[in-house]
PDB file of N, CA and C in Angstrom:
ATOM      1  N   MET A   1     125.732 126.325 106.717  1.00  0.00           N
ATOM      2  CA  MET A   1     125.354 125.599 105.530  1.00  0.00           C
ATOM      3  C   MET A   1     123.975 126.008 105.033  1.00  0.00           C
ATOM      4  N   ALA A   2     123.101 126.484 105.894  1.00  0.00           N
ATOM      5  CA  ALA A   2     121.737 126.821 105.497  1.00  0.00           C
ATOM      6  C   ALA A   2     121.699 127.898 104.423  1.00  0.00           C
ATOM      7  N   GLY A   3     122.697 128.734 104.346  1.00  0.00           N
ATOM      8  CA  GLY A   3     122.740 129.768 103.328  1.00  0.00           C
ATOM      9  C   GLY A   3     122.755 129.205 101.917  1.00  0.00           C
ATOM     10  N   HIS A   4     123.205 127.970 101.778  1.00  0.00           N
ATOM     11  CA  HIS A   4     123.278 127.318 100.467  1.00  0.00           C
ATOM     12  C   HIS A   4     122.066 126.447 100.183  1.00  0.00           C
ATOM     13  N   MET A   5     121.158 126.358 101.138  1.00  0.00           N
ATOM     14  CA  MET A   5     119.966 125.524 100.972  1.00  0.00           C
ATOM     15  C   MET A   5     118.889 126.326 100.261  1.00  0.00           C
ATOM     16  N   ARG A   6     118.038 125.618  99.563  1.00  0.00           N
ATOM     17  CA  ARG A   6     116.896 126.295  98.967  1.00  0.00           C
ATOM     18  C   ARG A   6     115.632 125.772  99.620  1.00  0.00           C
ATOM     19  N   SER A   7     114.655 126.607  99.705  1.00  0.00           N
ATOM     20  CA  SER A   7     113.399 126.258 100.347  1.00  0.00           C
ATOM     21  C   SER A   7     112.798 125.030  99.677  1.00  0.00           C
ATOM     22  N   GLY A   8     112.382 124.071 100.489  1.00  0.00           N
ATOM     23  CA  GLY A   8     111.802 122.845  99.974  1.00  0.00           C
ATOM     24  C   GLY A   8     112.792 121.704  99.840  1.00  0.00           C
ATOM     25  N   GLY A   9     114.097 122.010  99.900  1.00  0.00           N
ATOM     26  CA  GLY A   9     115.109 120.962  99.807  1.00  0.00           C
ATOM     27  C   GLY A   9     115.129 120.114 101.071  1.00  0.00           C
ATOM     28  N   LEU A  10     115.507 118.862 100.926  1.00  0.00           N
ATOM     29  CA  LEU A  10     115.558 117.975 102.082  1.00  0.00           C
ATOM     30  C   LEU A  10     116.955 117.988 102.690  1.00  0.00           C
ATOM     31  N   VAL A  11     116.991 118.183 103.994  1.00  0.00           N
ATOM     32  CA  VAL A  11     118.255 118.246 104.726  1.00  0.00           C
ATOM     33  C   VAL A  11     118.211 117.291 105.910  1.00  0.00           C
ATOM     34  N   TYR A  12     119.393 116.934 106.403  1.00  0.00           N
ATOM     35  CA  TYR A  12     119.497 116.072 107.570  1.00  0.00           C
ATOM     36  C   TYR A  12     119.960 116.911 108.750  1.00  0.00           C
ATOM     37  N   ASP A  13     119.233 116.797 109.863  1.00  0.00           N
ATOM     38  CA  ASP A  13     119.581 117.477 111.108  1.00  0.00           C
ATOM     39  C   ASP A  13     120.207 116.429 112.028  1.00  0.00           C
ATOM     40  N   PRO A  14     121.536 116.475 112.239  1.00  0.00           N
ATOM     41  CA  PRO A  14     122.181 115.443 113.061  1.00  0.00           C
ATOM     42  C   PRO A  14     121.817 115.527 114.540  1.00  0.00           C
ATOM     43  N   VAL A  15     121.375 116.675 115.015  1.00  0.00           N
ATOM     44  CA  VAL A  15     120.984 116.794 116.416  1.00  0.00           C
ATOM     45  C   VAL A  15     119.651 116.078 116.641  1.00  0.00           C
ATOM     46  N   ALA A  16     118.665 116.344 115.787  1.00  0.00           N
ATOM     47  CA  ALA A  16     117.357 115.678 115.887  1.00  0.00           C
ATOM     48  C   ALA A  16     117.406 114.271 115.290  1.00  0.00           C
ATOM     49  N   ARG A  17     118.449 113.992 114.515  1.00  0.00           N
ATOM     50  CA  ARG A  17     118.621 112.705 113.836  1.00  0.00           C
ATOM     51  C   ARG A  17     117.443 112.396 112.926  1.00  0.00           C
ATOM     52  N   ARG A  18     117.066 113.400 112.107  1.00  0.00           N
ATOM     53  CA  ARG A  18     115.961 113.200 111.172  1.00  0.00           C
ATOM     54  C   ARG A  18     116.094 114.119 109.973  1.00  0.00           C
ATOM     55  N   VAL A  19     115.388 113.750 108.927  1.00  0.00           N
ATOM     56  CA  VAL A  19     115.359 114.515 107.683  1.00  0.00           C
ATOM     57  C   VAL A  19     114.189 115.478 107.750  1.00  0.00           C
ATOM     58  N   GLY A  20     114.419 116.686 107.255  1.00  0.00           N
ATOM     59  CA  GLY A  20     113.361 117.674 107.207  1.00  0.00           C
ATOM     60  C   GLY A  20     113.422 118.479 105.930  1.00  0.00           C
ATOM     61  N   GLU A  21     112.317 119.110 105.633  1.00  0.00           N
ATOM     62  CA  GLU A  21     112.235 120.011 104.482  1.00  0.00           C
ATOM     63  C   GLU A  21     112.679 121.388 104.948  1.00  0.00           C
ATOM     64  N   TYR A  22     113.695 121.932 104.294  1.00  0.00           N
ATOM     65  CA  TYR A  22     114.214 123.250 104.664  1.00  0.00           C
ATOM     66  C   TYR A  22     113.189 124.314 104.292  1.00  0.00           C
ATOM     67  N   ARG A  23     112.785 125.127 105.261  1.00  0.00           N
ATOM     68  CA  ARG A  23     111.766 126.152 105.048  1.00  0.00           C
ATOM     69  C   ARG A  23     112.340 127.557 105.022  1.00  0.00           C
ATOM     70  N   GLY A  24     113.590 127.718 105.460  1.00  0.00           N
ATOM     71  CA  GLY A  24     114.212 129.039 105.518  1.00  0.00           C
ATOM     72  C   GLY A  24     114.826 129.248 106.891  1.00  0.00           C
ATOM     73  N   THR A  25     115.205 130.491 107.148  1.00  0.00           N
ATOM     74  CA  THR A  25     115.780 130.796 108.458  1.00  0.00           C
ATOM     75  C   THR A  25     114.868 131.742 109.209  1.00  0.00           C
ATOM     76  N   GLU A  26     114.940 131.630 110.522  1.00  0.00           N
ATOM     77  CA  GLU A  26     114.220 132.531 111.406  1.00  0.00           C
ATOM     78  C   GLU A  26     115.179 132.855 112.536  1.00  0.00           C
ATOM     79  N   GLY A  27     115.660 134.090 112.541  1.00  0.00           N
ATOM     80  CA  GLY A  27     116.685 134.458 113.510  1.00  0.00           C
ATOM     81  C   GLY A  27     117.926 133.613 113.256  1.00  0.00           C
ATOM     82  N   PRO A  28     118.503 133.033 114.292  1.00  0.00           N
ATOM     83  CA  PRO A  28     119.724 132.238 114.109  1.00  0.00           C
ATOM     84  C   PRO A  28     119.459 130.777 113.741  1.00  0.00           C
ATOM     85  N   TYR A  29     118.213 130.410 113.467  1.00  0.00           N
ATOM     86  CA  TYR A  29     117.855 129.010 113.260  1.00  0.00           C
ATOM     87  C   TYR A  29     117.433 128.707 111.832  1.00  0.00           C
ATOM     88  N   ALA A  30     117.717 127.485 111.409  1.00  0.00           N
ATOM     89  CA  ALA A  30     117.137 126.943 110.183  1.00  0.00           C
ATOM     90  C   ALA A  30     115.813 126.321 110.598  1.00  0.00           C
ATOM     91  N   MET A  31     114.773 126.590 109.856  1.00  0.00           N
ATOM     92  CA  MET A  31     113.458 126.035 110.148  1.00  0.00           C
ATOM     93  C   MET A  31     113.230 124.830 109.233  1.00  0.00           C
ATOM     94  N   LEU A  32     112.933 123.688 109.865  1.00  0.00           N
ATOM     95  CA  LEU A  32     112.724 122.447 109.130  1.00  0.00           C
ATOM     96  C   LEU A  32     111.341 121.900 109.438  1.00  0.00           C
ATOM     97  N   ARG A  33     110.759 121.252 108.441  1.00  0.00           N
ATOM     98  CA  ARG A  33     109.435 120.648 108.594  1.00  0.00           C
ATOM     99  C   ARG A  33     109.564 119.168 108.263  1.00  0.00           C
ATOM    100  N   PRO A  34     108.902 118.289 109.003  1.00  0.00           N
ATOM    101  CA  PRO A  34     108.978 116.859 108.692  1.00  0.00           C
ATOM    102  C   PRO A  34     108.502 116.558 107.265  1.00  0.00           C
ATOM    103  N   VAL A  35     109.125 115.566 106.654  1.00  0.00           N
ATOM    104  CA  VAL A  35     108.698 115.128 105.332  1.00  0.00           C
ATOM    105  C   VAL A  35     107.270 114.610 105.465  1.00  0.00           C
ATOM    106  N   GLY A  36     106.383 115.066 104.617  1.00  0.00           N
ATOM    107  CA  GLY A  36     104.983 114.667 104.690  1.00  0.00           C
ATOM    108  C   GLY A  36     104.138 115.582 105.551  1.00  0.00           C
ATOM    109  N   GLY A  37     104.754 116.592 106.154  1.00  0.00           N
ATOM    110  CA  GLY A  37     104.003 117.554 106.953  1.00  0.00           C
ATOM    111  C   GLY A  37     104.176 117.329 108.441  1.00  0.00           C
ATOM    112  N   GLY A  38     103.782 118.322 109.172  1.00  0.00           N
ATOM    113  CA  GLY A  38     103.884 118.251 110.621  1.00  0.00           C
ATOM    114  C   GLY A  38     104.465 119.524 111.196  1.00  0.00           C
ATOM    115  N   ARG A  39     104.767 119.466 112.466  1.00  0.00           N
ATOM    116  CA  ARG A  39     105.257 120.626 113.201  1.00  0.00           C
ATOM    117  C   ARG A  39     106.721 120.915 112.871  1.00  0.00           C
ATOM    118  N   GLU A  40     106.994 122.164 112.524  1.00  0.00           N
ATOM    119  CA  GLU A  40     108.366 122.576 112.222  1.00  0.00           C
ATOM    120  C   GLU A  40     109.229 122.520 113.470  1.00  0.00           C
ATOM    121  N   TRP A  41     110.529 122.383 113.243  1.00  0.00           N
ATOM    122  CA  TRP A  41     111.470 122.473 114.352  1.00  0.00           C
ATOM    123  C   TRP A  41     112.653 123.336 113.934  1.00  0.00           C
ATOM    124  N   GLN A  42     113.375 123.815 114.940  1.00  0.00           N
ATOM    125  CA  GLN A  42     114.537 124.676 114.721  1.00  0.00           C
ATOM    126  C   GLN A  42     115.794 123.826 114.744  1.00  0.00           C
ATOM    127  N   ALA A  43     116.722 124.173 113.851  1.00  0.00           N
ATOM    128  CA  ALA A  43     117.987 123.449 113.785  1.00  0.00           C
ATOM    129  C   ALA A  43     119.124 124.456 113.656  1.00  0.00           C
ATOM    130  N   ASP A  44     120.296 124.004 114.033  1.00  0.00           N
ATOM    131  CA  ASP A  44     121.502 124.815 113.887  1.00  0.00           C
ATOM    132  C   ASP A  44     121.883 124.810 112.413  1.00  0.00           C
ATOM    133  N   PRO A  45     121.826 125.955 111.733  1.00  0.00           N
ATOM    134  CA  PRO A  45     122.098 125.971 110.293  1.00  0.00           C
ATOM    135  C   PRO A  45     123.516 125.530 109.937  1.00  0.00           C
ATOM    136  N   ALA A  46     124.445 125.657 110.873  1.00  0.00           N
ATOM    137  CA  ALA A  46     125.818 125.231 110.599  1.00  0.00           C
ATOM    138  C   ALA A  46     125.957 123.711 110.613  1.00  0.00           C
ATOM    139  N   ARG A  47     124.989 123.018 111.187  1.00  0.00           N
ATOM    140  CA  ARG A  47     125.086 121.566 111.321  1.00  0.00           C
ATOM    141  C   ARG A  47     124.241 120.801 110.314  1.00  0.00           C
ATOM    142  N   VAL A  48     123.186 121.411 109.769  1.00  0.00           N
ATOM    143  CA  VAL A  48     122.370 120.679 108.796  1.00  0.00           C
ATOM    144  C   VAL A  48     123.149 120.503 107.507  1.00  0.00           C
ATOM    145  N   ARG A  49     122.845 119.444 106.807  1.00  0.00           N
ATOM    146  CA  ARG A  49     123.494 119.157 105.527  1.00  0.00           C
ATOM    147  C   ARG A  49     122.460 118.556 104.584  1.00  0.00           C
ATOM    148  N   PRO A  50     122.724 118.577 103.291  1.00  0.00           N
ATOM    149  CA  PRO A  50     121.783 117.938 102.365  1.00  0.00           C
ATOM    150  C   PRO A  50     121.612 116.458 102.737  1.00  0.00           C
ATOM    151  N   ALA A  51     120.392 115.981 102.668  1.00  0.00           N
ATOM    152  CA  ALA A  51     120.105 114.576 102.964  1.00  0.00           C
ATOM    153  C   ALA A  51     120.643 113.700 101.839  1.00  0.00           C
ATOM    154  N   THR A  52     121.160 112.540 102.218  1.00  0.00           N
ATOM    155  CA  THR A  52     121.636 111.583 101.214  1.00  0.00           C
ATOM    156  C   THR A  52     120.430 110.945 100.529  1.00  0.00           C
ATOM    157  N   PRO A  53     120.639 110.309  99.383  1.00  0.00           N
ATOM    158  CA  PRO A  53     119.519 109.605  98.734  1.00  0.00           C
ATOM    159  C   PRO A  53     118.867 108.571  99.663  1.00  0.00           C
ATOM    160  N   ALA A  54     119.660 107.839 100.425  1.00  0.00           N
ATOM    161  CA  ALA A  54     119.099 106.834 101.345  1.00  0.00           C
ATOM    162  C   ALA A  54     118.276 107.504 102.441  1.00  0.00           C
ATOM    163  N   GLU A  55     118.734 108.630 102.962  1.00  0.00           N
ATOM    164  CA  GLU A  55     117.992 109.352 103.998  1.00  0.00           C
ATOM    165  C   GLU A  55     116.682 109.905 103.445  1.00  0.00           C
ATOM    166  N   ARG A  56     116.716 110.420 102.207  1.00  0.00           N
ATOM    167  CA  ARG A  56     115.492 110.930 101.587  1.00  0.00           C
ATOM    168  C   ARG A  56     114.488 109.804 101.380  1.00  0.00           C
ATOM    169  N   LEU A  57     114.958 108.653 100.903  1.00  0.00           N
ATOM    170  CA  LEU A  57     114.082 107.510 100.685  1.00  0.00           C
ATOM    171  C   LEU A  57     113.462 107.053 101.995  1.00  0.00           C
ATOM    172  N   SER A  58     114.272 106.925 103.023  1.00  0.00           N
ATOM    173  CA  SER A  58     113.774 106.487 104.327  1.00  0.00           C
ATOM    174  C   SER A  58     112.719 107.443 104.873  1.00  0.00           C
ATOM    175  N   ALA A  59     112.968 108.737 104.745  1.00  0.00           N
ATOM    176  CA  ALA A  59     111.997 109.732 105.225  1.00  0.00           C
ATOM    177  C   ALA A  59     110.701 109.659 104.428  1.00  0.00           C
ATOM    178  N   GLY A  60     110.806 109.431 103.123  1.00  0.00           N
ATOM    179  CA  GLY A  60     109.605 109.309 102.291  1.00  0.00           C
ATOM    180  C   GLY A  60     108.790 108.074 102.645  1.00  0.00           C
ATOM    181  N   VAL A  61     109.473 106.962 102.888  1.00  0.00           N
ATOM    182  CA  VAL A  61     108.776 105.737 103.283  1.00  0.00           C
ATOM    183  C   VAL A  61     108.089 105.931 104.627  1.00  0.00           C
ATOM    184  N   ARG A  62     108.789 106.562 105.571  1.00  0.00           N
ATOM    185  CA  ARG A  62     108.196 106.813 106.890  1.00  0.00           C
ATOM    186  C   ARG A  62     106.942 107.675 106.751  1.00  0.00           C
ATOM    187  N   ALA A  63     107.000 108.707 105.913  1.00  0.00           N
ATOM    188  CA  ALA A  63     105.837 109.578 105.712  1.00  0.00           C
ATOM    189  C   ALA A  63     104.682 108.797 105.093  1.00  0.00           C
ATOM    190  N   ALA A  64     104.985 107.941 104.116  1.00  0.00           N
ATOM    191  CA  ALA A  64     103.932 107.131 103.484  1.00  0.00           C
ATOM    192  C   ALA A  64     103.317 106.167 104.496  1.00  0.00           C
ATOM    193  N   ASN A  65     104.152 105.559 105.329  1.00  0.00           N
ATOM    194  CA  ASN A  65     103.633 104.661 106.353  1.00  0.00           C
ATOM    195  C   ASN A  65     102.769 105.402 107.359  1.00  0.00           C
ATOM    196  N   ASP A  66     103.177 106.618 107.711  1.00  0.00           N
ATOM    197  CA  ASP A  66     102.367 107.418 108.631  1.00  0.00           C
ATOM    198  C   ASP A  66     100.999 107.722 108.028  1.00  0.00           C
ATOM    199  N   ARG A  67     100.971 108.053 106.718  1.00  0.00           N
ATOM    200  CA  ARG A  67      99.696 108.313 106.055  1.00  0.00           C
ATOM    201  C   ARG A  67      98.838 107.056 106.020  1.00  0.00           C
ATOM    202  N   ALA A  68      99.451 105.918 105.734  1.00  0.00           N
ATOM    203  CA  ALA A  68      98.707 104.656 105.695  1.00  0.00           C
ATOM    204  C   ALA A  68      98.168 104.309 107.073  1.00  0.00           C
ATOM    205  N   GLY A  69      98.953 104.585 108.098  1.00  0.00           N
ATOM    206  CA  GLY A  69      98.508 104.304 109.461  1.00  0.00           C
ATOM    207  C   GLY A  69      97.298 105.124 109.849  1.00  0.00           C
ATOM    208  N   ALA A  70      97.168 106.306 109.280  1.00  0.00           N
ATOM    209  CA  ALA A  70      96.008 107.143 109.559  1.00  0.00           C
ATOM    210  C   ALA A  70      94.756 106.565 108.911  1.00  0.00           C
ATOM    211  N   ALA A  71      94.923 105.872 107.798  1.00  0.00           N
ATOM    212  CA  ALA A  71      93.779 105.323 107.083  1.00  0.00           C
ATOM    213  C   ALA A  71      93.392 103.926 107.569  1.00  0.00           C
ATOM    214  N   TYR A  72      94.347 103.195 108.098  1.00  0.00           N
ATOM    215  CA  TYR A  72      94.114 101.815 108.508  1.00  0.00           C
ATOM    216  C   TYR A  72      94.622 101.601 109.929  1.00  0.00           C
ATOM    217  N   ASP A  73      93.983 100.701 110.627  1.00  0.00           N
ATOM    218  CA  ASP A  73      94.486 100.263 111.925  1.00  0.00           C
ATOM    219  C   ASP A  73      95.474  99.139 111.641  1.00  0.00           C
ATOM    220  N   LEU A  74      96.769  99.476 111.609  1.00  0.00           N
ATOM    221  CA  LEU A  74      97.779  98.501 111.232  1.00  0.00           C
ATOM    222  C   LEU A  74      98.066  97.491 112.340  1.00  0.00           C
ATOM    223  N   SER A  75      97.462  97.675 113.503  1.00  0.00           N
ATOM    224  CA  SER A  75      97.677  96.709 114.582  1.00  0.00           C
ATOM    225  C   SER A  75      96.792  95.476 114.391  1.00  0.00           C
ATOM    226  N   ARG A  76      95.855  95.535 113.459  1.00  0.00           N
ATOM    227  CA  ARG A  76      94.952  94.412 113.194  1.00  0.00           C
ATOM    228  C   ARG A  76      95.024  94.037 111.722  1.00  0.00           C
ATOM    229  N   PRO A  77      94.914  92.753 111.424  1.00  0.00           N
ATOM    230  CA  PRO A  77      94.915  92.357 110.018  1.00  0.00           C
ATOM    231  C   PRO A  77      93.645  92.850 109.325  1.00  0.00           C
ATOM    232  N   PRO A  78      93.733  93.146 108.034  1.00  0.00           N
ATOM    233  CA  PRO A  78      92.544  93.591 107.315  1.00  0.00           C
ATOM    234  C   PRO A  78      91.514  92.470 107.204  1.00  0.00           C
ATOM    235  N   VAL A  79      90.253  92.859 107.171  1.00  0.00           N
ATOM    236  CA  VAL A  79      89.144  91.898 107.114  1.00  0.00           C
ATOM    237  C   VAL A  79      88.609  91.852 105.687  1.00  0.00           C
ATOM    238  N   PRO A  80      88.591  90.666 105.077  1.00  0.00           N
ATOM    239  CA  PRO A  80      88.070  90.565 103.713  1.00  0.00           C
ATOM    240  C   PRO A  80      86.569  90.836 103.665  1.00  0.00           C
ATOM    241  N   VAL A  81      86.116  91.356 102.541  1.00  0.00           N
ATOM    242  CA  VAL A  81      84.698  91.621 102.336  1.00  0.00           C
ATOM    243  C   VAL A  81      84.023  90.322 101.907  1.00  0.00           C
ATOM    244  N   SER A  82      82.972  89.979 102.591  1.00  0.00           N
ATOM    245  CA  SER A  82      82.231  88.756 102.299  1.00  0.00           C
ATOM    246  C   SER A  82      81.694  88.795 100.866  1.00  0.00           C
ATOM    247  N   GLY A  83      81.872  87.688 100.158  1.00  0.00           N
ATOM    248  CA  GLY A  83      81.355  87.592  98.803  1.00  0.00           C
ATOM    249  C   GLY A  83      82.312  88.081  97.734  1.00  0.00           C
ATOM    250  N   CYS A  84      83.450  88.623  98.114  1.00  0.00           N
ATOM    251  CA  CYS A  84      84.428  89.111  97.132  1.00  0.00           C
ATOM    252  C   CYS A  84      85.471  88.021  96.904  1.00  0.00           C
ATOM    253  N   GLY A  85      85.574  87.558  95.663  1.00  0.00           N
ATOM    254  CA  GLY A  85      86.515  86.500  95.330  1.00  0.00           C
ATOM    255  C   GLY A  85      87.965  86.882  95.561  1.00  0.00           C
ATOM    256  N   GLU A  86      88.348  88.103  95.181  1.00  0.00           N
ATOM    257  CA  GLU A  86      89.737  88.524  95.369  1.00  0.00           C
ATOM    258  C   GLU A  86      90.080  88.633  96.854  1.00  0.00           C
ATOM    259  N   CYS A  87      89.156  89.159  97.650  1.00  0.00           N
ATOM    260  CA  CYS A  87      89.364  89.213  99.098  1.00  0.00           C
ATOM    261  C   CYS A  87      89.583  87.803  99.648  1.00  0.00           C
ATOM    262  N   ALA A  88      88.749  86.861  99.195  1.00  0.00           N
ATOM    263  CA  ALA A  88      88.845  85.484  99.679  1.00  0.00           C
ATOM    264  C   ALA A  88      90.195  84.863  99.316  1.00  0.00           C
ATOM    265  N   GLU A  89      90.662  85.094  98.084  1.00  0.00           N
ATOM    266  CA  GLU A  89      91.956  84.550  97.661  1.00  0.00           C
ATOM    267  C   GLU A  89      93.095  85.114  98.507  1.00  0.00           C
ATOM    268  N   LEU A  90      93.063  86.414  98.740  1.00  0.00           N
ATOM    269  CA  LEU A  90      94.121  87.039  99.533  1.00  0.00           C
ATOM    270  C   LEU A  90      94.085  86.557 100.983  1.00  0.00           C
ATOM    271  N   ALA A  91      92.889  86.389 101.525  1.00  0.00           N
ATOM    272  CA  ALA A  91      92.762  85.875 102.896  1.00  0.00           C
ATOM    273  C   ALA A  91      93.273  84.437 102.970  1.00  0.00           C
ATOM    274  N   GLU A  92      93.010  83.633 101.943  1.00  0.00           N
ATOM    275  CA  GLU A  92      93.514  82.252 101.907  1.00  0.00           C
ATOM    276  C   GLU A  92      95.036  82.241 101.833  1.00  0.00           C
ATOM    277  N   SER A  93      95.613  83.143 101.034  1.00  0.00           N
ATOM    278  CA  SER A  93      97.078  83.242 100.949  1.00  0.00           C
ATOM    279  C   SER A  93      97.667  83.606 102.304  1.00  0.00           C
ATOM    280  N   ARG A  94      97.023  84.510 102.986  1.00  0.00           N
ATOM    281  CA  ARG A  94      97.480  84.920 104.312  1.00  0.00           C
ATOM    282  C   ARG A  94      97.431  83.744 105.285  1.00  0.00           C
ATOM    283  N   THR A  95      96.329  82.999 105.277  1.00  0.00           N
ATOM    284  CA  THR A  95      96.182  81.859 106.176  1.00  0.00           C
ATOM    285  C   THR A  95      97.231  80.788 105.880  1.00  0.00           C
ATOM    286  N   ALA A  96      97.457  80.507 104.599  1.00  0.00           N
ATOM    287  CA  ALA A  96      98.458  79.506 104.218  1.00  0.00           C
ATOM    288  C   ALA A  96      99.852  79.941 104.673  1.00  0.00           C
ATOM    289  N   ALA A  97     100.161  81.213 104.511  1.00  0.00           N
ATOM    290  CA  ALA A  97     101.470  81.730 104.941  1.00  0.00           C
ATOM    291  C   ALA A  97     101.618  81.597 106.457  1.00  0.00           C
ATOM    292  N   ARG A  98     100.558  81.925 107.176  1.00  0.00           N
ATOM    293  CA  ARG A  98     100.589  81.825 108.633  1.00  0.00           C
ATOM    294  C   ARG A  98     100.811  80.378 109.064  1.00  0.00           C
ATOM    295  N   LEU A  99     100.152  79.426 108.414  1.00  0.00           N
ATOM    296  CA  LEU A  99     100.277  78.016 108.773  1.00  0.00           C
ATOM    297  C   LEU A  99     101.689  77.475 108.545  1.00  0.00           C
ATOM    298  N   ARG A 100     102.383  78.030 107.545  1.00  0.00           N
ATOM    299  CA  ARG A 100     103.753  77.567 107.306  1.00  0.00           C
ATOM    300  C   ARG A 100     104.794  78.480 107.977  1.00  0.00           C
ATOM    301  N   CYS A 101     104.288  79.377 108.857  1.00  0.00           N
ATOM    302  CA  CYS A 101     105.150  80.289 109.644  1.00  0.00           C
ATOM    303  C   CYS A 101     106.004  81.191 108.746  1.00  0.00           C
ATOM    304  N   ASP A 102     105.448  81.589 107.611  1.00  0.00           N
ATOM    305  CA  ASP A 102     106.118  82.494 106.681  1.00  0.00           C
ATOM    306  C   ASP A 102     105.580  83.895 106.936  1.00  0.00           C
ATOM    307  N   TRP A 103     106.193  84.575 107.916  1.00  0.00           N
ATOM    308  CA  TRP A 103     105.676  85.872 108.362  1.00  0.00           C
ATOM    309  C   TRP A 103     105.798  86.938 107.278  1.00  0.00           C
ATOM    310  N   SER A 104     106.821  86.833 106.445  1.00  0.00           N
ATOM    311  CA  SER A 104     106.972  87.794 105.357  1.00  0.00           C
ATOM    312  C   SER A 104     105.822  87.664 104.356  1.00  0.00           C
ATOM    313  N   ALA A 105     105.490  86.429 103.988  1.00  0.00           N
ATOM    314  CA  ALA A 105     104.379  86.208 103.052  1.00  0.00           C
ATOM    315  C   ALA A 105     103.046  86.613 103.683  1.00  0.00           C
ATOM    316  N   GLU A 106     102.902  86.401 104.988  1.00  0.00           N
ATOM    317  CA  GLU A 106     101.673  86.827 105.667  1.00  0.00           C
ATOM    318  C   GLU A 106     101.537  88.346 105.604  1.00  0.00           C
ATOM    319  N   THR A 107     102.645  89.039 105.862  1.00  0.00           N
ATOM    320  CA  THR A 107     102.628  90.504 105.780  1.00  0.00           C
ATOM    321  C   THR A 107     102.322  90.962 104.361  1.00  0.00           C
ATOM    322  N   ASP A 108     102.937  90.306 103.369  1.00  0.00           N
ATOM    323  CA  ASP A 108     102.665  90.650 101.967  1.00  0.00           C
ATOM    324  C   ASP A 108     101.177  90.492 101.649  1.00  0.00           C
ATOM    325  N   ALA A 109     100.576  89.406 102.119  1.00  0.00           N
ATOM    326  CA  ALA A 109      99.148  89.180 101.869  1.00  0.00           C
ATOM    327  C   ALA A 109      98.308  90.261 102.530  1.00  0.00           C
ATOM    328  N   ASN A 110      98.685  90.684 103.732  1.00  0.00           N
ATOM    329  CA  ASN A 110      97.961  91.776 104.396  1.00  0.00           C
ATOM    330  C   ASN A 110      98.077  93.077 103.612  1.00  0.00           C
ATOM    331  N   VAL A 111      99.274  93.366 103.112  1.00  0.00           N
ATOM    332  CA  VAL A 111      99.474  94.592 102.320  1.00  0.00           C
ATOM    333  C   VAL A 111      98.618  94.536 101.058  1.00  0.00           C
ATOM    334  N   LEU A 112      98.649  93.408 100.358  1.00  0.00           N
ATOM    335  CA  LEU A 112      97.855  93.277  99.130  1.00  0.00           C
ATOM    336  C   LEU A 112      96.357  93.370  99.429  1.00  0.00           C
ATOM    337  N   LEU A 113      95.926  92.770 100.534  1.00  0.00           N
ATOM    338  CA  LEU A 113      94.511  92.852 100.892  1.00  0.00           C
ATOM    339  C   LEU A 113      94.121  94.288 101.224  1.00  0.00           C
ATOM    340  N   ARG A 114      94.981  95.018 101.946  1.00  0.00           N
ATOM    341  CA  ARG A 114      94.676  96.435 102.244  1.00  0.00           C
ATOM    342  C   ARG A 114      94.575  97.250 100.958  1.00  0.00           C
ATOM    343  N   ARG A 115      95.496  97.008 100.031  1.00  0.00           N
ATOM    344  CA  ARG A 115      95.453  97.731  98.742  1.00  0.00           C
ATOM    345  C   ARG A 115      94.156  97.417  98.006  1.00  0.00           C
ATOM    346  N   HIS A 116      93.821  96.144  97.972  1.00  0.00           N
ATOM    347  CA  HIS A 116      92.590  95.737  97.283  1.00  0.00           C
ATOM    348  C   HIS A 116      91.372  96.392  97.946  1.00  0.00           C
ATOM    349  N   LEU A 117      91.317  96.338  99.276  1.00  0.00           N
ATOM    350  CA  LEU A 117      90.187  96.952  99.992  1.00  0.00           C
ATOM    351  C   LEU A 117      90.071  98.435  99.661  1.00  0.00           C
ATOM    352  N   GLY A 118      91.220  99.126  99.624  1.00  0.00           N
ATOM    353  CA  GLY A 118      91.202 100.557  99.319  1.00  0.00           C
ATOM    354  C   GLY A 118      90.791 100.858  97.893  1.00  0.00           C
ATOM    355  N   ALA A 119      91.140  99.952  96.960  1.00  0.00           N
ATOM    356  CA  ALA A 119      90.828 100.192  95.555  1.00  0.00           C
ATOM    357  C   ALA A 119      89.423  99.719  95.168  1.00  0.00           C
ATOM    358  N   ALA A 120      88.977  98.612  95.755  1.00  0.00           N
ATOM    359  CA  ALA A 120      87.730  97.999  95.296  1.00  0.00           C
ATOM    360  C   ALA A 120      86.547  98.168  96.246  1.00  0.00           C
ATOM    361  N   HIS A 121      86.800  98.508  97.475  1.00  0.00           N
ATOM    362  CA  HIS A 121      85.744  98.588  98.473  1.00  0.00           C
ATOM    363  C   HIS A 121      85.862  99.910  99.249  1.00  0.00           C
ATOM    364  N   VAL A 122      84.758 100.371  99.751  1.00  0.00           N
ATOM    365  CA  VAL A 122      84.778 101.578 100.585  1.00  0.00           C
ATOM    366  C   VAL A 122      85.344 101.181 101.933  1.00  0.00           C
ATOM    367  N   VAL A 123      86.441 101.843 102.339  1.00  0.00           N
ATOM    368  CA  VAL A 123      87.092 101.532 103.612  1.00  0.00           C
ATOM    369  C   VAL A 123      86.839 102.661 104.578  1.00  0.00           C
ATOM    370  N   GLY A 124      86.529 102.302 105.832  1.00  0.00           N
ATOM    371  CA  GLY A 124      86.397 103.286 106.896  1.00  0.00           C
ATOM    372  C   GLY A 124      85.047 103.854 106.945  1.00  0.00           C
TER     373      GLY A 124
END
């Protein structure tokens, strides 16, 4: 199947169970690179196939999350900047969500606070 692929196209490798960017062939192998960058891997060109829209979306989200993880310590909630009204509002929303055991709303507040910190304040 790799003969029909074009460089840069996204394909699914069922052996590795992941989506990769098709880079070409090297010897008997299709060379694939993780979406968003990283170390290439070899795949059986007869087994790779074009990635479905859902697989492409999932791989893109994973790559975006990996990039965000490099910029933020996602194991800890973001810390609001003292004196910033928007930070204070988002932190209050997070606290209220936590008190009512609404974990989804708490996560949403953390995401919004991280976005705000990245846009309005120097992070890191």
